[in-house]
PDB file of N, CA and C in Angstrom:
ATOM      1  N   UNK A   1      71.703 -21.692-100.209  1.00  0.00           N
ATOM      2  CA  UNK A   1      71.917 -21.138 -98.399  1.00  0.00           C
ATOM      3  C   UNK A   1      73.406 -20.949 -97.989  1.00  0.00           C
ATOM      4  N   UNK A   2      74.318 -20.268 -97.904  1.00  0.00           N
ATOM      5  CA  UNK A   2      75.756 -20.400 -97.908  1.00  0.00           C
ATOM      6  C   UNK A   2      75.812 -20.486 -95.737  1.00  0.00           C
ATOM      7  N   UNK A   3      77.046 -20.957 -95.441  1.00  0.00           N
ATOM      8  CA  UNK A   3      77.067 -21.284 -94.103  1.00  0.00           C
ATOM      9  C   UNK A   3      76.869 -20.252 -93.569  1.00  0.00           C
ATOM     10  N   UNK A   4      77.098 -19.376 -93.860  1.00  0.00           N
ATOM     11  CA  UNK A   4      77.437 -17.391 -93.270  1.00  0.00           C
ATOM     12  C   UNK A   4      75.738 -17.381 -93.149  1.00  0.00           C
ATOM     13  N   UNK A   5      74.707 -17.403 -93.772  1.00  0.00           N
ATOM     14  CA  UNK A   5      73.377 -17.188 -93.400  1.00  0.00           C
ATOM     15  C   UNK A   5      72.589 -18.029 -92.423  1.00  0.00           C
ATOM     16  N   UNK A   6      73.566 -19.175 -92.172  1.00  0.00           N
ATOM     17  CA  UNK A   6      73.070 -20.488 -91.307  1.00  0.00           C
ATOM     18  C   UNK A   6      73.195 -20.177 -90.398  1.00  0.00           C
ATOM     19  N   UNK A   7      71.589 -20.082 -89.100  1.00  0.00           N
ATOM     20  CA  UNK A   7      71.993 -19.962 -88.515  1.00  0.00           C
ATOM     21  C   UNK A   7      70.893 -20.800 -87.189  1.00  0.00           C
ATOM     22  N   UNK A   8      71.852 -21.816 -86.305  1.00  0.00           N
ATOM     23  CA  UNK A   8      71.349 -22.727 -85.514  1.00  0.00           C
ATOM     24  C   UNK A   8      69.840 -21.708 -84.455  1.00  0.00           C
ATOM     25  N   UNK A   9      69.500 -22.540 -83.758  1.00  0.00           N
ATOM     26  CA  UNK A   9      68.450 -22.391 -82.916  1.00  0.00           C
ATOM     27  C   UNK A   9      68.599 -22.410 -81.595  1.00  0.00           C
ATOM     28  N   UNK A  10      68.806 -21.474 -80.486  1.00  0.00           N
ATOM     29  CA  UNK A  10      68.882 -21.940 -78.985  1.00  0.00           C
ATOM     30  C   UNK A  10      68.773 -22.954 -78.616  1.00  0.00           C
ATOM     31  N   UNK A  11      69.244 -23.667 -78.907  1.00  0.00           N
ATOM     32  CA  UNK A  11      68.547 -24.960 -78.150  1.00  0.00           C
ATOM     33  C   UNK A  11      68.212 -24.976 -76.413  1.00  0.00           C
ATOM     34  N   UNK A  12      66.935 -26.029 -76.098  1.00  0.00           N
ATOM     35  CA  UNK A  12      66.285 -26.087 -74.629  1.00  0.00           C
ATOM     36  C   UNK A  12      65.072 -25.484 -74.599  1.00  0.00           C
ATOM     37  N   UNK A  13      65.087 -23.575 -75.093  1.00  0.00           N
ATOM     38  CA  UNK A  13      64.648 -22.424 -74.787  1.00  0.00           C
ATOM     39  C   UNK A  13      63.014 -22.780 -75.947  1.00  0.00           C
ATOM     40  N   UNK A  14      62.884 -23.899 -76.133  1.00  0.00           N
ATOM     41  CA  UNK A  14      61.440 -24.056 -77.127  1.00  0.00           C
ATOM     42  C   UNK A  14      60.027 -22.973 -77.378  1.00  0.00           C
ATOM     43  N   UNK A  15      61.189 -21.425 -77.757  1.00  0.00           N
ATOM     44  CA  UNK A  15      60.446 -20.293 -78.636  1.00  0.00           C
ATOM     45  C   UNK A  15      60.013 -19.501 -77.698  1.00  0.00           C
ATOM     46  N   UNK A  16      60.952 -19.653 -75.867  1.00  0.00           N
ATOM     47  CA  UNK A  16      59.822 -18.716 -75.056  1.00  0.00           C
ATOM     48  C   UNK A  16      60.979 -17.593 -75.241  1.00  0.00           C
ATOM     49  N   UNK A  17      60.428 -17.103 -74.780  1.00  0.00           N
ATOM     50  CA  UNK A  17      61.434 -15.704 -74.510  1.00  0.00           C
ATOM     51  C   UNK A  17      61.245 -14.806 -73.225  1.00  0.00           C
ATOM     52  N   UNK A  18      62.697 -14.932 -72.755  1.00  0.00           N
ATOM     53  CA  UNK A  18      62.794 -14.878 -70.998  1.00  0.00           C
ATOM     54  C   UNK A  18      62.553 -12.975 -71.143  1.00  0.00           C
ATOM     55  N   UNK A  19      62.416 -12.099 -70.323  1.00  0.00           N
ATOM     56  CA  UNK A  19      62.572 -10.515 -70.165  1.00  0.00           C
ATOM     57  C   UNK A  19      62.759 -10.377 -68.891  1.00  0.00           C
ATOM     58  N   UNK A  20      64.959 -10.270 -68.587  1.00  0.00           N
ATOM     59  CA  UNK A  20      65.548  -9.877 -67.524  1.00  0.00           C
ATOM     60  C   UNK A  20      65.477  -8.636 -67.059  1.00  0.00           C
ATOM     61  N   UNK A  21      65.032  -8.413 -68.208  1.00  0.00           N
ATOM     62  CA  UNK A  21      65.186  -5.956 -67.658  1.00  0.00           C
ATOM     63  C   UNK A  21      64.535  -5.604 -67.278  1.00  0.00           C
ATOM     64  N   UNK A  22      63.274  -6.297 -67.392  1.00  0.00           N
ATOM     65  CA  UNK A  22      61.954  -5.814 -67.215  1.00  0.00           C
ATOM     66  C   UNK A  22      61.718  -6.209 -66.219  1.00  0.00           C
ATOM     67  N   UNK A  23      61.739  -8.028 -65.459  1.00  0.00           N
ATOM     68  CA  UNK A  23      61.714  -7.548 -64.006  1.00  0.00           C
ATOM     69  C   UNK A  23      62.098  -7.207 -63.194  1.00  0.00           C
ATOM     70  N   UNK A  24      63.402  -6.235 -62.967  1.00  0.00           N
ATOM     71  CA  UNK A  24      64.037  -5.578 -62.399  1.00  0.00           C
ATOM     72  C   UNK A  24      63.100  -4.024 -62.173  1.00  0.00           C
ATOM     73  N   UNK A  25      62.911  -4.114 -62.513  1.00  0.00           N
ATOM     74  CA  UNK A  25      62.093  -2.680 -63.140  1.00  0.00           C
ATOM     75  C   UNK A  25      60.873  -2.963 -62.502  1.00  0.00           C
ATOM     76  N   UNK A  26      60.432  -3.407 -62.856  1.00  0.00           N
ATOM     77  CA  UNK A  26      58.315  -3.639 -62.396  1.00  0.00           C
ATOM     78  C   UNK A  26      58.345  -3.888 -60.704  1.00  0.00           C
ATOM     79  N   UNK A  27      57.421  -3.451 -60.630  1.00  0.00           N
ATOM     80  CA  UNK A  27      56.390  -2.880 -59.131  1.00  0.00           C
ATOM     81  C   UNK A  27      56.348  -4.867 -58.315  1.00  0.00           C
ATOM     82  N   UNK A  28      57.600  -4.623 -57.417  1.00  0.00           N
ATOM     83  CA  UNK A  28      57.260  -5.774 -56.802  1.00  0.00           C
ATOM     84  C   UNK A  28      56.325  -6.164 -56.163  1.00  0.00           C
ATOM     85  N   UNK A  29      55.399  -6.640 -55.401  1.00  0.00           N
ATOM     86  CA  UNK A  29      54.597  -6.794 -54.377  1.00  0.00           C
ATOM     87  C   UNK A  29      55.131  -8.484 -52.841  1.00  0.00           C
ATOM     88  N   UNK A  30      55.433  -8.140 -52.757  1.00  0.00           N
ATOM     89  CA  UNK A  30      55.442  -9.437 -51.021  1.00  0.00           C
ATOM     90  C   UNK A  30      54.290 -10.651 -51.803  1.00  0.00           C
ATOM     91  N   UNK A  31      54.622 -11.423 -51.031  1.00  0.00           N
ATOM     92  CA  UNK A  31      53.383 -12.711 -50.779  1.00  0.00           C
ATOM     93  C   UNK A  31      52.508 -12.654 -50.069  1.00  0.00           C
ATOM     94  N   UNK A  32      53.409 -12.088 -49.126  1.00  0.00           N
ATOM     95  CA  UNK A  32      53.035 -11.708 -47.192  1.00  0.00           C
ATOM     96  C   UNK A  32      51.817 -10.738 -47.687  1.00  0.00           C
ATOM     97  N   UNK A  33      52.250  -9.450 -48.050  1.00  0.00           N
ATOM     98  CA  UNK A  33      51.110  -8.344 -48.869  1.00  0.00           C
ATOM     99  C   UNK A  33      49.973  -8.800 -49.646  1.00  0.00           C
ATOM    100  N   UNK A  34      50.242  -9.355 -50.456  1.00  0.00           N
ATOM    101  CA  UNK A  34      48.942  -9.744 -51.486  1.00  0.00           C
ATOM    102  C   UNK A  34      47.992 -10.319 -49.982  1.00  0.00           C
ATOM    103  N   UNK A  35      48.915 -11.945 -49.623  1.00  0.00           N
ATOM    104  CA  UNK A  35      47.287 -12.759 -48.485  1.00  0.00           C
ATOM    105  C   UNK A  35      46.812 -11.544 -47.509  1.00  0.00           C
ATOM    106  N   UNK A  36      47.412 -10.592 -47.454  1.00  0.00           N
ATOM    107  CA  UNK A  36      46.617  -9.397 -46.523  1.00  0.00           C
ATOM    108  C   UNK A  36      45.833  -8.607 -47.047  1.00  0.00           C
ATOM    109  N   UNK A  37      46.548  -8.311 -47.817  1.00  0.00           N
ATOM    110  CA  UNK A  37      45.235  -7.500 -48.999  1.00  0.00           C
ATOM    111  C   UNK A  37      44.372  -8.356 -48.907  1.00  0.00           C
ATOM    112  N   UNK A  38      44.483  -9.562 -49.535  1.00  0.00           N
ATOM    113  CA  UNK A  38      42.927 -10.699 -49.541  1.00  0.00           C
ATOM    114  C   UNK A  38      41.730 -10.576 -48.558  1.00  0.00           C
ATOM    115  N   UNK A  39      43.564 -11.003 -47.491  1.00  0.00           N
ATOM    116  CA  UNK A  39      41.977 -11.363 -46.083  1.00  0.00           C
ATOM    117  C   UNK A  39      41.587  -9.929 -45.949  1.00  0.00           C
ATOM    118  N   UNK A  40      42.029  -8.877 -46.218  1.00  0.00           N
ATOM    119  CA  UNK A  40      41.163  -7.417 -45.358  1.00  0.00           C
ATOM    120  C   UNK A  40      39.638  -7.665 -46.646  1.00  0.00           C
ATOM    121  N   UNK A  41      40.186  -7.552 -47.762  1.00  0.00           N
ATOM    122  CA  UNK A  41      39.156  -7.101 -48.532  1.00  0.00           C
ATOM    123  C   UNK A  41      38.282  -7.994 -48.435  1.00  0.00           C
ATOM    124  N   UNK A  42      38.025  -9.711 -48.115  1.00  0.00           N
ATOM    125  CA  UNK A  42      37.019 -10.838 -46.973  1.00  0.00           C
ATOM    126  C   UNK A  42      36.780 -10.278 -46.438  1.00  0.00           C
ATOM    127  N   UNK A  43      37.082  -9.832 -45.292  1.00  0.00           N
ATOM    128  CA  UNK A  43      36.503  -9.834 -44.317  1.00  0.00           C
ATOM    129  C   UNK A  43      35.795  -8.179 -44.003  1.00  0.00           C
ATOM    130  N   UNK A  44      36.401  -7.105 -45.368  1.00  0.00           N
ATOM    131  CA  UNK A  44      35.015  -5.673 -45.569  1.00  0.00           C
ATOM    132  C   UNK A  44      33.830  -6.415 -46.855  1.00  0.00           C
ATOM    133  N   UNK A  45      34.058  -7.212 -46.887  1.00  0.00           N
ATOM    134  CA  UNK A  45      33.439  -8.268 -47.622  1.00  0.00           C
ATOM    135  C   UNK A  45      31.629  -8.756 -47.270  1.00  0.00           C
ATOM    136  N   UNK A  46      32.807  -9.129 -46.149  1.00  0.00           N
ATOM    137  CA  UNK A  46      31.855 -10.424 -44.361  1.00  0.00           C
ATOM    138  C   UNK A  46      30.824  -8.805 -43.727  1.00  0.00           C
ATOM    139  N   UNK A  47      31.488  -7.777 -43.904  1.00  0.00           N
ATOM    140  CA  UNK A  47      31.148  -7.026 -42.384  1.00  0.00           C
ATOM    141  C   UNK A  47      30.186  -6.109 -44.075  1.00  0.00           C
ATOM    142  N   UNK A  48      30.368  -5.973 -45.293  1.00  0.00           N
ATOM    143  CA  UNK A  48      29.486  -4.747 -45.169  1.00  0.00           C
ATOM    144  C   UNK A  48      28.070  -6.240 -45.673  1.00  0.00           C
ATOM    145  N   UNK A  49      28.483  -7.380 -46.376  1.00  0.00           N
ATOM    146  CA  UNK A  49      27.083  -8.380 -46.421  1.00  0.00           C
ATOM    147  C   UNK A  49      26.254  -8.382 -45.024  1.00  0.00           C
ATOM    148  N   UNK A  50      26.366  -8.460 -43.774  1.00  0.00           N
ATOM    149  CA  UNK A  50      26.014  -8.084 -43.254  1.00  0.00           C
ATOM    150  C   UNK A  50      25.841  -7.096 -41.936  1.00  0.00           C
ATOM    151  N   UNK A  51      25.893  -6.446 -43.035  1.00  0.00           N
ATOM    152  CA  UNK A  51      25.541  -4.680 -42.294  1.00  0.00           C
ATOM    153  C   UNK A  51      24.092  -4.512 -42.830  1.00  0.00           C
ATOM    154  N   UNK A  52      24.335  -5.075 -44.485  1.00  0.00           N
ATOM    155  CA  UNK A  52      23.159  -4.792 -44.899  1.00  0.00           C
ATOM    156  C   UNK A  52      21.606  -5.100 -44.826  1.00  0.00           C
ATOM    157  N   UNK A  53      22.005  -6.529 -44.096  1.00  0.00           N
ATOM    158  CA  UNK A  53      20.472  -7.210 -43.493  1.00  0.00           C
ATOM    159  C   UNK A  53      19.697  -6.115 -42.200  1.00  0.00           C
TER     160      UNK A  53
END
């Protein structure tokens, strides 16, 4: 193998791939919105459960 064909691996990445470009384009939801949505679903399930009795 010649020196031109030899390439080294980047140190410290351990084979992991990061996608910084895709992160900016993805839909971003704040953690507060997730908590509100989960709380709403839990309350809705409890109301529906006790209304059925």
